[in-house]
Amino acid sequence: MAARAIGMSKFKAIRHIILPQALRLSIPPWSNEYSSVLKDTSLAYAVGVIELVRQGRYIIARTFEPMLIYIIIAFIYFLLTYAGNRLLGLLEEKVAIPGYERRLTRRV
């Protein structure tokens, strides 16, 4: 209502006021969802790509070294999860409001 009062159109009000606020608040849930979806790919196919565990089983059938293959698969999942969460964390810090600290999510 304040944006409309100073003469902004609805589109400008949404673009310059509402969306930046919504983005700041939506990044932490996106991070959690990213982790969940990535971890769930071990149970199902994602976008038609054969997932890591199935490929690992194929390699195990040829090499007969299951422990090494499963450790490599776990490391790949760890890297993907860590990198995605780190990137979303950096984005969250970049769009944070200076001097405003969220009380619900404190980082140690």
PDB file of N, CA and C in Angstrom:
ATOM      1  N   MET A   1       0.823  -1.182   0.000  1.00  0.00           N
ATOM      2  CA  MET A   1       0.000   0.000   0.000  1.00  0.00           C
ATOM      3  C   MET A   1       0.874   1.255   0.000  1.00  0.00           C
ATOM      4  N   ALA A   2       2.006   1.197   0.689  1.00  0.00           N
ATOM      5  CA  ALA A   2       2.884   2.364   0.714  1.00  0.00           C
ATOM      6  C   ALA A   2       3.470   2.631  -0.672  1.00  0.00           C
ATOM      7  N   ALA A   3       3.815   1.559  -1.394  1.00  0.00           N
ATOM      8  CA  ALA A   3       4.361   1.730  -2.744  1.00  0.00           C
ATOM      9  C   ALA A   3       3.319   2.340  -3.671  1.00  0.00           C
ATOM     10  N   ARG A   4       2.108   1.902  -3.540  1.00  0.00           N
ATOM     11  CA  ARG A   4       1.030   2.461  -4.363  1.00  0.00           C
ATOM     12  C   ARG A   4       0.796   3.930  -4.001  1.00  0.00           C
ATOM     13  N   ALA A   5       0.972   4.258  -2.719  1.00  0.00           N
ATOM     14  CA  ALA A   5       0.748   5.634  -2.273  1.00  0.00           C
ATOM     15  C   ALA A   5       1.786   6.600  -2.842  1.00  0.00           C
ATOM     16  N   ILE A   6       2.999   6.112  -3.099  1.00  0.00           N
ATOM     17  CA  ILE A   6       4.020   6.996  -3.672  1.00  0.00           C
ATOM     18  C   ILE A   6       4.053   6.923  -5.197  1.00  0.00           C
ATOM     19  N   GLY A   7       3.081   6.239  -5.776  1.00  0.00           N
ATOM     20  CA  GLY A   7       2.935   6.259  -7.223  1.00  0.00           C
ATOM     21  C   GLY A   7       3.511   5.077  -7.979  1.00  0.00           C
ATOM     22  N   MET A   8       3.914   4.030  -7.289  1.00  0.00           N
ATOM     23  CA  MET A   8       4.427   2.846  -7.983  1.00  0.00           C
ATOM     24  C   MET A   8       3.265   2.037  -8.540  1.00  0.00           C
ATOM     25  N   SER A   9       3.504   1.415  -9.675  1.00  0.00           N
ATOM     26  CA  SER A   9       2.496   0.500 -10.215  1.00  0.00           C
ATOM     27  C   SER A   9       2.554  -0.800  -9.407  1.00  0.00           C
ATOM     28  N   LYS A  10       1.563  -1.655  -9.587  1.00  0.00           N
ATOM     29  CA  LYS A  10       1.562  -2.928  -8.865  1.00  0.00           C
ATOM     30  C   LYS A  10       2.782  -3.759  -9.240  1.00  0.00           C
ATOM     31  N   PHE A  11       3.123  -3.753 -10.529  1.00  0.00           N
ATOM     32  CA  PHE A  11       4.280  -4.520 -10.992  1.00  0.00           C
ATOM     33  C   PHE A  11       5.569  -4.019 -10.339  1.00  0.00           C
ATOM     34  N   LYS A  12       5.776  -2.697 -10.290  1.00  0.00           N
ATOM     35  CA  LYS A  12       6.974  -2.146  -9.668  1.00  0.00           C
ATOM     36  C   LYS A  12       7.006  -2.439  -8.174  1.00  0.00           C
ATOM     37  N   ALA A  13       5.856  -2.363  -7.522  1.00  0.00           N
ATOM     38  CA  ALA A  13       5.796  -2.656  -6.091  1.00  0.00           C
ATOM     39  C   ALA A  13       6.186  -4.112  -5.824  1.00  0.00           C
ATOM     40  N   ILE A  14       5.688  -5.007  -6.648  1.00  0.00           N
ATOM     41  CA  ILE A  14       6.040  -6.415  -6.471  1.00  0.00           C
ATOM     42  C   ILE A  14       7.523  -6.625  -6.743  1.00  0.00           C
ATOM     43  N   ARG A  15       8.020  -6.047  -7.823  1.00  0.00           N
ATOM     44  CA  ARG A  15       9.411  -6.245  -8.231  1.00  0.00           C
ATOM     45  C   ARG A  15      10.408  -5.642  -7.249  1.00  0.00           C
ATOM     46  N   HIS A  16      10.141  -4.465  -6.741  1.00  0.00           N
ATOM     47  CA  HIS A  16      11.128  -3.760  -5.922  1.00  0.00           C
ATOM     48  C   HIS A  16      10.922  -3.915  -4.411  1.00  0.00           C
ATOM     49  N   ILE A  17       9.754  -4.320  -3.984  1.00  0.00           N
ATOM     50  CA  ILE A  17       9.496  -4.393  -2.544  1.00  0.00           C
ATOM     51  C   ILE A  17       9.173  -5.807  -2.088  1.00  0.00           C
ATOM     52  N   ILE A  18       8.212  -6.444  -2.717  1.00  0.00           N
ATOM     53  CA  ILE A  18       7.742  -7.739  -2.231  1.00  0.00           C
ATOM     54  C   ILE A  18       8.715  -8.865  -2.555  1.00  0.00           C
ATOM     55  N   LEU A  19       9.171  -8.969  -3.804  1.00  0.00           N
ATOM     56  CA  LEU A  19      10.063 -10.068  -4.189  1.00  0.00           C
ATOM     57  C   LEU A  19      11.394 -10.074  -3.427  1.00  0.00           C
ATOM     58  N   PRO A  20      12.061  -8.945  -3.229  1.00  0.00           N
ATOM     59  CA  PRO A  20      13.308  -9.005  -2.446  1.00  0.00           C
ATOM     60  C   PRO A  20      13.092  -9.516  -1.010  1.00  0.00           C
ATOM     61  N   GLN A  21      11.988  -9.132  -0.405  1.00  0.00           N
ATOM     62  CA  GLN A  21      11.702  -9.622   0.947  1.00  0.00           C
ATOM     63  C   GLN A  21      11.401 -11.113   0.936  1.00  0.00           C
ATOM     64  N   ALA A  22      10.642 -11.546  -0.046  1.00  0.00           N
ATOM     65  CA  ALA A  22      10.299 -12.963  -0.146  1.00  0.00           C
ATOM     66  C   ALA A  22      11.531 -13.809  -0.422  1.00  0.00           C
ATOM     67  N   LEU A  23      12.441 -13.310  -1.263  1.00  0.00           N
ATOM     68  CA  LEU A  23      13.662 -14.045  -1.572  1.00  0.00           C
ATOM     69  C   LEU A  23      14.498 -14.265  -0.325  1.00  0.00           C
ATOM     70  N   ARG A  24      14.664 -13.233   0.472  1.00  0.00           N
ATOM     71  CA  ARG A  24      15.464 -13.360   1.703  1.00  0.00           C
ATOM     72  C   ARG A  24      14.901 -14.432   2.629  1.00  0.00           C
ATOM     73  N   LEU A  25      13.592 -14.508   2.713  1.00  0.00           N
ATOM     74  CA  LEU A  25      12.973 -15.459   3.627  1.00  0.00           C
ATOM     75  C   LEU A  25      12.886 -16.870   3.051  1.00  0.00           C
ATOM     76  N   SER A  26      12.992 -17.016   1.733  1.00  0.00           N
ATOM     77  CA  SER A  26      12.809 -18.337   1.130  1.00  0.00           C
ATOM     78  C   SER A  26      14.107 -19.107   0.932  1.00  0.00           C
ATOM     79  N   ILE A  27      15.258 -18.501   1.076  1.00  0.00           N
ATOM     80  CA  ILE A  27      16.519 -19.195   0.824  1.00  0.00           C
ATOM     81  C   ILE A  27      16.768 -20.339   1.811  1.00  0.00           C
ATOM     82  N   PRO A  28      16.609 -20.178   3.124  1.00  0.00           N
ATOM     83  CA  PRO A  28      16.853 -21.315   4.028  1.00  0.00           C
ATOM     84  C   PRO A  28      15.969 -22.541   3.731  1.00  0.00           C
ATOM     85  N   PRO A  29      14.677 -22.372   3.457  1.00  0.00           N
ATOM     86  CA  PRO A  29      13.902 -23.567   3.090  1.00  0.00           C
ATOM     87  C   PRO A  29      14.365 -24.190   1.770  1.00  0.00           C
ATOM     88  N   TRP A  30      14.820 -23.372   0.821  1.00  0.00           N
ATOM     89  CA  TRP A  30      15.348 -23.924  -0.429  1.00  0.00           C
ATOM     90  C   TRP A  30      16.562 -24.804  -0.151  1.00  0.00           C
ATOM     91  N   SER A  31      17.393 -24.382   0.773  1.00  0.00           N
ATOM     92  CA  SER A  31      18.579 -25.155   1.119  1.00  0.00           C
ATOM     93  C   SER A  31      18.189 -26.524   1.673  1.00  0.00           C
ATOM     94  N   ASN A  32      17.217 -26.553   2.556  1.00  0.00           N
ATOM     95  CA  ASN A  32      16.752 -27.825   3.111  1.00  0.00           C
ATOM     96  C   ASN A  32      16.134 -28.698   2.031  1.00  0.00           C
ATOM     97  N   GLU A  33      15.353 -28.118   1.171  1.00  0.00           N
ATOM     98  CA  GLU A  33      14.710 -28.879   0.098  1.00  0.00           C
ATOM     99  C   GLU A  33      15.740 -29.434  -0.870  1.00  0.00           C
ATOM    100  N   TYR A  34      16.757 -28.658  -1.195  1.00  0.00           N
ATOM    101  CA  TYR A  34      17.830 -29.131  -2.073  1.00  0.00           C
ATOM    102  C   TYR A  34      18.477 -30.385  -1.490  1.00  0.00           C
ATOM    103  N   SER A  35      18.801 -30.347  -0.204  1.00  0.00           N
ATOM    104  CA  SER A  35      19.434 -31.497   0.436  1.00  0.00           C
ATOM    105  C   SER A  35      18.526 -32.715   0.396  1.00  0.00           C
ATOM    106  N   SER A  36      17.268 -32.523   0.691  1.00  0.00           N
ATOM    107  CA  SER A  36      16.325 -33.640   0.702  1.00  0.00           C
ATOM    108  C   SER A  36      16.164 -34.257  -0.678  1.00  0.00           C
ATOM    109  N   VAL A  37      16.008 -33.433  -1.676  1.00  0.00           N
ATOM    110  CA  VAL A  37      15.835 -33.948  -3.034  1.00  0.00           C
ATOM    111  C   VAL A  37      17.087 -34.681  -3.495  1.00  0.00           C
ATOM    112  N   LEU A  38      18.251 -34.135  -3.209  1.00  0.00           N
ATOM    113  CA  LEU A  38      19.493 -34.777  -3.609  1.00  0.00           C
ATOM    114  C   LEU A  38      19.640 -36.142  -2.943  1.00  0.00           C
ATOM    115  N   LYS A  39      19.338 -36.216  -1.667  1.00  0.00           N
ATOM    116  CA  LYS A  39      19.458 -37.485  -0.952  1.00  0.00           C
ATOM    117  C   LYS A  39      18.407 -38.486  -1.410  1.00  0.00           C
ATOM    118  N   ASP A  40      17.253 -38.014  -1.822  1.00  0.00           N
ATOM    119  CA  ASP A  40      16.206 -38.920  -2.297  1.00  0.00           C
ATOM    120  C   ASP A  40      16.510 -39.507  -3.665  1.00  0.00           C
ATOM    121  N   THR A  41      17.481 -38.969  -4.383  1.00  0.00           N
ATOM    122  CA  THR A  41      17.804 -39.539  -5.687  1.00  0.00           C
ATOM    123  C   THR A  41      18.404 -40.925  -5.552  1.00  0.00           C
ATOM    124  N   SER A  42      18.855 -41.296  -4.370  1.00  0.00           N
ATOM    125  CA  SER A  42      19.371 -42.648  -4.187  1.00  0.00           C
ATOM    126  C   SER A  42      18.229 -43.667  -4.173  1.00  0.00           C
ATOM    127  N   LEU A  43      16.998 -43.199  -4.044  1.00  0.00           N
ATOM    128  CA  LEU A  43      15.850 -44.097  -4.025  1.00  0.00           C
ATOM    129  C   LEU A  43      15.099 -44.124  -5.349  1.00  0.00           C
ATOM    130  N   ALA A  44      15.286 -43.137  -6.175  1.00  0.00           N
ATOM    131  CA  ALA A  44      14.511 -43.063  -7.411  1.00  0.00           C
ATOM    132  C   ALA A  44      15.321 -42.367  -8.500  1.00  0.00           C
ATOM    133  N   TYR A  45      14.803 -42.419  -9.708  1.00  0.00           N
ATOM    134  CA  TYR A  45      15.428 -41.709 -10.815  1.00  0.00           C
ATOM    135  C   TYR A  45      15.033 -40.239 -10.751  1.00  0.00           C
ATOM    136  N   ALA A  46      15.945 -39.381 -11.164  1.00  0.00           N
ATOM    137  CA  ALA A  46      15.659 -37.945 -11.201  1.00  0.00           C
ATOM    138  C   ALA A  46      15.867 -37.464 -12.632  1.00  0.00           C
ATOM    139  N   VAL A  47      14.830 -37.014 -13.259  1.00  0.00           N
ATOM    140  CA  VAL A  47      14.859 -36.440 -14.591  1.00  0.00           C
ATOM    141  C   VAL A  47      15.465 -37.415 -15.612  1.00  0.00           C
ATOM    142  N   GLY A  48      15.238 -38.700 -15.422  1.00  0.00           N
ATOM    143  CA  GLY A  48      15.679 -39.681 -16.403  1.00  0.00           C
ATOM    144  C   GLY A  48      17.154 -40.034 -16.365  1.00  0.00           C
ATOM    145  N   VAL A  49      17.888 -39.514 -15.424  1.00  0.00           N
ATOM    146  CA  VAL A  49      19.311 -39.821 -15.330  1.00  0.00           C
ATOM    147  C   VAL A  49      19.500 -40.978 -14.362  1.00  0.00           C
ATOM    148  N   ILE A  50      20.304 -41.933 -14.752  1.00  0.00           N
ATOM    149  CA  ILE A  50      20.550 -43.075 -13.866  1.00  0.00           C
ATOM    150  C   ILE A  50      21.326 -42.579 -12.656  1.00  0.00           C
ATOM    151  N   GLU A  51      20.860 -42.935 -11.491  1.00  0.00           N
ATOM    152  CA  GLU A  51      21.446 -42.379 -10.285  1.00  0.00           C
ATOM    153  C   GLU A  51      22.703 -43.125  -9.855  1.00  0.00           C
ATOM    154  N   LEU A  52      23.413 -42.559  -8.900  1.00  0.00           N
ATOM    155  CA  LEU A  52      24.745 -43.024  -8.510  1.00  0.00           C
ATOM    156  C   LEU A  52      24.780 -44.441  -7.960  1.00  0.00           C
ATOM    157  N   VAL A  53      23.829 -44.801  -7.117  1.00  0.00           N
ATOM    158  CA  VAL A  53      23.875 -46.114  -6.478  1.00  0.00           C
ATOM    159  C   VAL A  53      23.703 -47.216  -7.515  1.00  0.00           C
ATOM    160  N   ARG A  54      22.820 -47.011  -8.472  1.00  0.00           N
ATOM    161  CA  ARG A  54      22.636 -48.023  -9.519  1.00  0.00           C
ATOM    162  C   ARG A  54      23.911 -48.170 -10.346  1.00  0.00           C
ATOM    163  N   GLN A  55      24.534 -47.060 -10.692  1.00  0.00           N
ATOM    164  CA  GLN A  55      25.791 -47.132 -11.429  1.00  0.00           C
ATOM    165  C   GLN A  55      26.863 -47.816 -10.577  1.00  0.00           C
ATOM    166  N   GLY A  56      26.846 -47.526  -9.293  1.00  0.00           N
ATOM    167  CA  GLY A  56      27.800 -48.172  -8.388  1.00  0.00           C
ATOM    168  C   GLY A  56      27.623 -49.674  -8.360  1.00  0.00           C
ATOM    169  N   ARG A  57      26.376 -50.135  -8.377  1.00  0.00           N
ATOM    170  CA  ARG A  57      26.121 -51.587  -8.397  1.00  0.00           C
ATOM    171  C   ARG A  57      26.656 -52.220  -9.673  1.00  0.00           C
ATOM    172  N   TYR A  58      26.528 -51.534 -10.791  1.00  0.00           N
ATOM    173  CA  TYR A  58      27.089 -52.045 -12.042  1.00  0.00           C
ATOM    174  C   TYR A  58      28.605 -52.179 -11.944  1.00  0.00           C
ATOM    175  N   ILE A  59      29.247 -51.177 -11.368  1.00  0.00           N
ATOM    176  CA  ILE A  59      30.705 -51.213 -11.220  1.00  0.00           C
ATOM    177  C   ILE A  59      31.112 -52.315 -10.249  1.00  0.00           C
ATOM    178  N   ILE A  60      30.364 -52.492  -9.164  1.00  0.00           N
ATOM    179  CA  ILE A  60      30.667 -53.532  -8.183  1.00  0.00           C
ATOM    180  C   ILE A  60      30.575 -54.912  -8.831  1.00  0.00           C
ATOM    181  N   ALA A  61      29.597 -55.111  -9.705  1.00  0.00           N
ATOM    182  CA  ALA A  61      29.443 -56.399 -10.382  1.00  0.00           C
ATOM    183  C   ALA A  61      30.666 -56.710 -11.252  1.00  0.00           C
ATOM    184  N   ARG A  62      31.330 -55.678 -11.752  1.00  0.00           N
ATOM    185  CA  ARG A  62      32.514 -55.893 -12.588  1.00  0.00           C
ATOM    186  C   ARG A  62      33.801 -55.985 -11.779  1.00  0.00           C
ATOM    187  N   THR A  63      33.914 -55.177 -10.709  1.00  0.00           N
ATOM    188  CA  THR A  63      35.194 -55.095  -9.995  1.00  0.00           C
ATOM    189  C   THR A  63      35.230 -55.886  -8.691  1.00  0.00           C
ATOM    190  N   PHE A  64      34.092 -56.222  -8.130  1.00  0.00           N
ATOM    191  CA  PHE A  64      33.994 -56.948  -6.853  1.00  0.00           C
ATOM    192  C   PHE A  64      34.682 -56.208  -5.709  1.00  0.00           C
ATOM    193  N   GLU A  65      34.571 -54.863  -5.707  1.00  0.00           N
ATOM    194  CA  GLU A  65      35.098 -54.046  -4.613  1.00  0.00           C
ATOM    195  C   GLU A  65      33.989 -53.134  -4.091  1.00  0.00           C
ATOM    196  N   PRO A  66      33.037 -53.695  -3.342  1.00  0.00           N
ATOM    197  CA  PRO A  66      31.880 -52.879  -2.946  1.00  0.00           C
ATOM    198  C   PRO A  66      32.200 -51.747  -1.983  1.00  0.00           C
ATOM    199  N   MET A  67      33.112 -51.965  -1.062  1.00  0.00           N
ATOM    200  CA  MET A  67      33.375 -50.932  -0.053  1.00  0.00           C
ATOM    201  C   MET A  67      33.953 -49.674  -0.694  1.00  0.00           C
ATOM    202  N   LEU A  68      34.909 -49.839  -1.575  1.00  0.00           N
ATOM    203  CA  LEU A  68      35.522 -48.697  -2.236  1.00  0.00           C
ATOM    204  C   LEU A  68      34.482 -47.923  -3.057  1.00  0.00           C
ATOM    205  N   ILE A  69      33.644 -48.630  -3.780  1.00  0.00           N
ATOM    206  CA  ILE A  69      32.637 -47.982  -4.626  1.00  0.00           C
ATOM    207  C   ILE A  69      31.630 -47.234  -3.758  1.00  0.00           C
ATOM    208  N   TYR A  70      31.164 -47.854  -2.677  1.00  0.00           N
ATOM    209  CA  TYR A  70      30.188 -47.182  -1.811  1.00  0.00           C
ATOM    210  C   TYR A  70      30.799 -45.968  -1.108  1.00  0.00           C
ATOM    211  N   ILE A  71      32.068 -46.029  -0.768  1.00  0.00           N
ATOM    212  CA  ILE A  71      32.732 -44.867  -0.168  1.00  0.00           C
ATOM    213  C   ILE A  71      32.814 -43.734  -1.187  1.00  0.00           C
ATOM    214  N   ILE A  72      33.139 -44.048  -2.422  1.00  0.00           N
ATOM    215  CA  ILE A  72      33.201 -43.022  -3.468  1.00  0.00           C
ATOM    216  C   ILE A  72      31.827 -42.409  -3.702  1.00  0.00           C
ATOM    217  N   ILE A  73      30.786 -43.254  -3.732  1.00  0.00           N
ATOM    218  CA  ILE A  73      29.415 -42.749  -3.912  1.00  0.00           C
ATOM    219  C   ILE A  73      29.034 -41.829  -2.753  1.00  0.00           C
ATOM    220  N   ALA A  74      29.349 -42.231  -1.532  1.00  0.00           N
ATOM    221  CA  ALA A  74      29.045 -41.395  -0.370  1.00  0.00           C
ATOM    222  C   ALA A  74      29.776 -40.064  -0.451  1.00  0.00           C
ATOM    223  N   PHE A  75      31.014 -40.092  -0.907  1.00  0.00           N
ATOM    224  CA  PHE A  75      31.795 -38.868  -1.042  1.00  0.00           C
ATOM    225  C   PHE A  75      31.185 -37.949  -2.097  1.00  0.00           C
ATOM    226  N   ILE A  76      30.721 -38.512  -3.204  1.00  0.00           N
ATOM    227  CA  ILE A  76      30.085 -37.697  -4.246  1.00  0.00           C
ATOM    228  C   ILE A  76      28.820 -37.044  -3.710  1.00  0.00           C
ATOM    229  N   TYR A  77      27.979 -37.825  -3.007  1.00  0.00           N
ATOM    230  CA  TYR A  77      26.775 -37.241  -2.403  1.00  0.00           C
ATOM    231  C   TYR A  77      27.130 -36.147  -1.407  1.00  0.00           C
ATOM    232  N   PHE A  78      28.166 -36.384  -0.605  1.00  0.00           N
ATOM    233  CA  PHE A  78      28.591 -35.372   0.357  1.00  0.00           C
ATOM    234  C   PHE A  78      29.016 -34.094  -0.347  1.00  0.00           C
ATOM    235  N   LEU A  79      29.832 -34.228  -1.400  1.00  0.00           N
ATOM    236  CA  LEU A  79      30.285 -33.045  -2.138  1.00  0.00           C
ATOM    237  C   LEU A  79      29.115 -32.274  -2.744  1.00  0.00           C
ATOM    238  N   LEU A  80      28.173 -32.988  -3.364  1.00  0.00           N
ATOM    239  CA  LEU A  80      27.029 -32.315  -3.973  1.00  0.00           C
ATOM    240  C   LEU A  80      26.180 -31.590  -2.922  1.00  0.00           C
ATOM    241  N   THR A  81      25.941 -32.257  -1.803  1.00  0.00           N
ATOM    242  CA  THR A  81      25.139 -31.645  -0.739  1.00  0.00           C
ATOM    243  C   THR A  81      25.862 -30.448  -0.129  1.00  0.00           C
ATOM    244  N   TYR A  82      27.142 -30.610   0.170  1.00  0.00           N
ATOM    245  CA  TYR A  82      27.902 -29.524   0.781  1.00  0.00           C
ATOM    246  C   TYR A  82      27.992 -28.320  -0.154  1.00  0.00           C
ATOM    247  N   ALA A  83      28.298 -28.579  -1.428  1.00  0.00           N
ATOM    248  CA  ALA A  83      28.448 -27.482  -2.382  1.00  0.00           C
ATOM    249  C   ALA A  83      27.132 -26.731  -2.568  1.00  0.00           C
ATOM    250  N   GLY A  84      26.038 -27.465  -2.708  1.00  0.00           N
ATOM    251  CA  GLY A  84      24.736 -26.810  -2.880  1.00  0.00           C
ATOM    252  C   GLY A  84      24.340 -25.988  -1.671  1.00  0.00           C
ATOM    253  N   ASN A  85      24.508 -26.557  -0.484  1.00  0.00           N
ATOM    254  CA  ASN A  85      24.154 -25.823   0.728  1.00  0.00           C
ATOM    255  C   ASN A  85      25.070 -24.636   0.956  1.00  0.00           C
ATOM    256  N   ARG A  86      26.330 -24.778   0.607  1.00  0.00           N
ATOM    257  CA  ARG A  86      27.280 -23.661   0.768  1.00  0.00           C
ATOM    258  C   ARG A  86      26.913 -22.516  -0.172  1.00  0.00           C
ATOM    259  N   LEU A  87      26.582 -22.854  -1.430  1.00  0.00           N
ATOM    260  CA  LEU A  87      26.196 -21.817  -2.380  1.00  0.00           C
ATOM    261  C   LEU A  87      24.921 -21.097  -1.935  1.00  0.00           C
ATOM    262  N   LEU A  88      23.949 -21.854  -1.439  1.00  0.00           N
ATOM    263  CA  LEU A  88      22.727 -21.215  -0.954  1.00  0.00           C
ATOM    264  C   LEU A  88      23.008 -20.393   0.308  1.00  0.00           C
ATOM    265  N   GLY A  89      23.951 -20.854   1.139  1.00  0.00           N
ATOM    266  CA  GLY A  89      24.337 -20.070   2.309  1.00  0.00           C
ATOM    267  C   GLY A  89      24.994 -18.755   1.926  1.00  0.00           C
ATOM    268  N   LEU A  90      25.855 -18.790   0.904  1.00  0.00           N
ATOM    269  CA  LEU A  90      26.482 -17.558   0.428  1.00  0.00           C
ATOM    270  C   LEU A  90      25.444 -16.602  -0.154  1.00  0.00           C
ATOM    271  N   LEU A  91      24.478 -17.158  -0.896  1.00  0.00           N
ATOM    272  CA  LEU A  91      23.406 -16.327  -1.431  1.00  0.00           C
ATOM    273  C   LEU A  91      22.594 -15.703  -0.306  1.00  0.00           C
ATOM    274  N   GLU A  92      22.331 -16.480   0.735  1.00  0.00           N
ATOM    275  CA  GLU A  92      21.586 -15.965   1.886  1.00  0.00           C
ATOM    276  C   GLU A  92      22.338 -14.816   2.555  1.00  0.00           C
ATOM    277  N   GLU A  93      23.657 -14.961   2.701  1.00  0.00           N
ATOM    278  CA  GLU A  93      24.454 -13.884   3.301  1.00  0.00           C
ATOM    279  C   GLU A  93      24.488 -12.651   2.409  1.00  0.00           C
ATOM    280  N   LYS A  94      24.517 -12.860   1.100  1.00  0.00           N
ATOM    281  CA  LYS A  94      24.592 -11.734   0.177  1.00  0.00           C
ATOM    282  C   LYS A  94      23.322 -10.886   0.204  1.00  0.00           C
ATOM    283  N   VAL A  95      22.175 -11.510   0.322  1.00  0.00           N
ATOM    284  CA  VAL A  95      20.919 -10.761   0.286  1.00  0.00           C
ATOM    285  C   VAL A  95      20.416 -10.397   1.686  1.00  0.00           C
ATOM    286  N   ALA A  96      21.207 -10.719   2.716  1.00  0.00           N
ATOM    287  CA  ALA A  96      20.798 -10.396   4.085  1.00  0.00           C
ATOM    288  C   ALA A  96      20.764  -8.889   4.292  1.00  0.00           C
ATOM    289  N   ILE A  97      19.895  -8.460   5.156  1.00  0.00           N
ATOM    290  CA  ILE A  97      19.794  -7.050   5.501  1.00  0.00           C
ATOM    291  C   ILE A  97      20.847  -6.750   6.562  1.00  0.00           C
ATOM    292  N   PRO A  98      21.744  -5.790   6.332  1.00  0.00           N
ATOM    293  CA  PRO A  98      22.782  -5.476   7.317  1.00  0.00           C
ATOM    294  C   PRO A  98      22.174  -5.042   8.652  1.00  0.00           C
ATOM    295  N   GLY A  99      22.681  -5.616   9.727  1.00  0.00           N
ATOM    296  CA  GLY A  99      22.213  -5.259  11.048  1.00  0.00           C
ATOM    297  C   GLY A  99      20.971  -6.014  11.498  1.00  0.00           C
ATOM    298  N   TYR A 100      20.393  -6.801  10.613  1.00  0.00           N
ATOM    299  CA  TYR A 100      19.195  -7.564  10.961  1.00  0.00           C
ATOM    300  C   TYR A 100      19.578  -9.019  11.105  1.00  0.00           C
ATOM    301  N   GLU A 101      19.421  -9.555  12.302  1.00  0.00           N
ATOM    302  CA  GLU A 101      19.776 -10.935  12.549  1.00  0.00           C
ATOM    303  C   GLU A 101      18.522 -11.735  12.824  1.00  0.00           C
ATOM    304  N   ARG A 102      18.362 -12.814  12.094  1.00  0.00           N
ATOM    305  CA  ARG A 102      17.194 -13.670  12.334  1.00  0.00           C
ATOM    306  C   ARG A 102      17.386 -14.421  13.624  1.00  0.00           C
ATOM    307  N   ARG A 103      16.416 -14.420  14.474  1.00  0.00           N
ATOM    308  CA  ARG A 103      16.541 -15.065  15.781  1.00  0.00           C
ATOM    309  C   ARG A 103      16.347 -16.565  15.711  1.00  0.00           C
ATOM    310  N   LEU A 104      15.652 -17.068  14.700  1.00  0.00           N
ATOM    311  CA  LEU A 104      15.358 -18.491  14.611  1.00  0.00           C
ATOM    312  C   LEU A 104      16.537 -19.313  14.123  1.00  0.00           C
ATOM    313  N   THR A 105      17.371 -18.765  13.273  1.00  0.00           N
ATOM    314  CA  THR A 105      18.488 -19.526  12.714  1.00  0.00           C
ATOM    315  C   THR A 105      19.789 -18.836  13.034  1.00  0.00           C
ATOM    316  N   ARG A 106      20.395 -19.207  14.121  1.00  0.00           N
ATOM    317  CA  ARG A 106      21.706 -18.656  14.486  1.00  0.00           C
ATOM    318  C   ARG A 106      22.776 -19.607  13.995  1.00  0.00           C
ATOM    319  N   ARG A 107      23.789 -19.052  13.359  1.00  0.00           N
ATOM    320  CA  ARG A 107      24.907 -19.864  12.891  1.00  0.00           C
ATOM    321  C   ARG A 107      26.043 -19.724  13.877  1.00  0.00           C
ATOM    322  N   VAL A 108      26.623 -20.844  14.211  1.00  0.00           N
ATOM    323  CA  VAL A 108      27.714 -20.860  15.181  1.00  0.00           C
ATOM    324  C   VAL A 108      29.025 -20.933  14.464  1.00  0.00           C
TER     325      VAL A 108
END
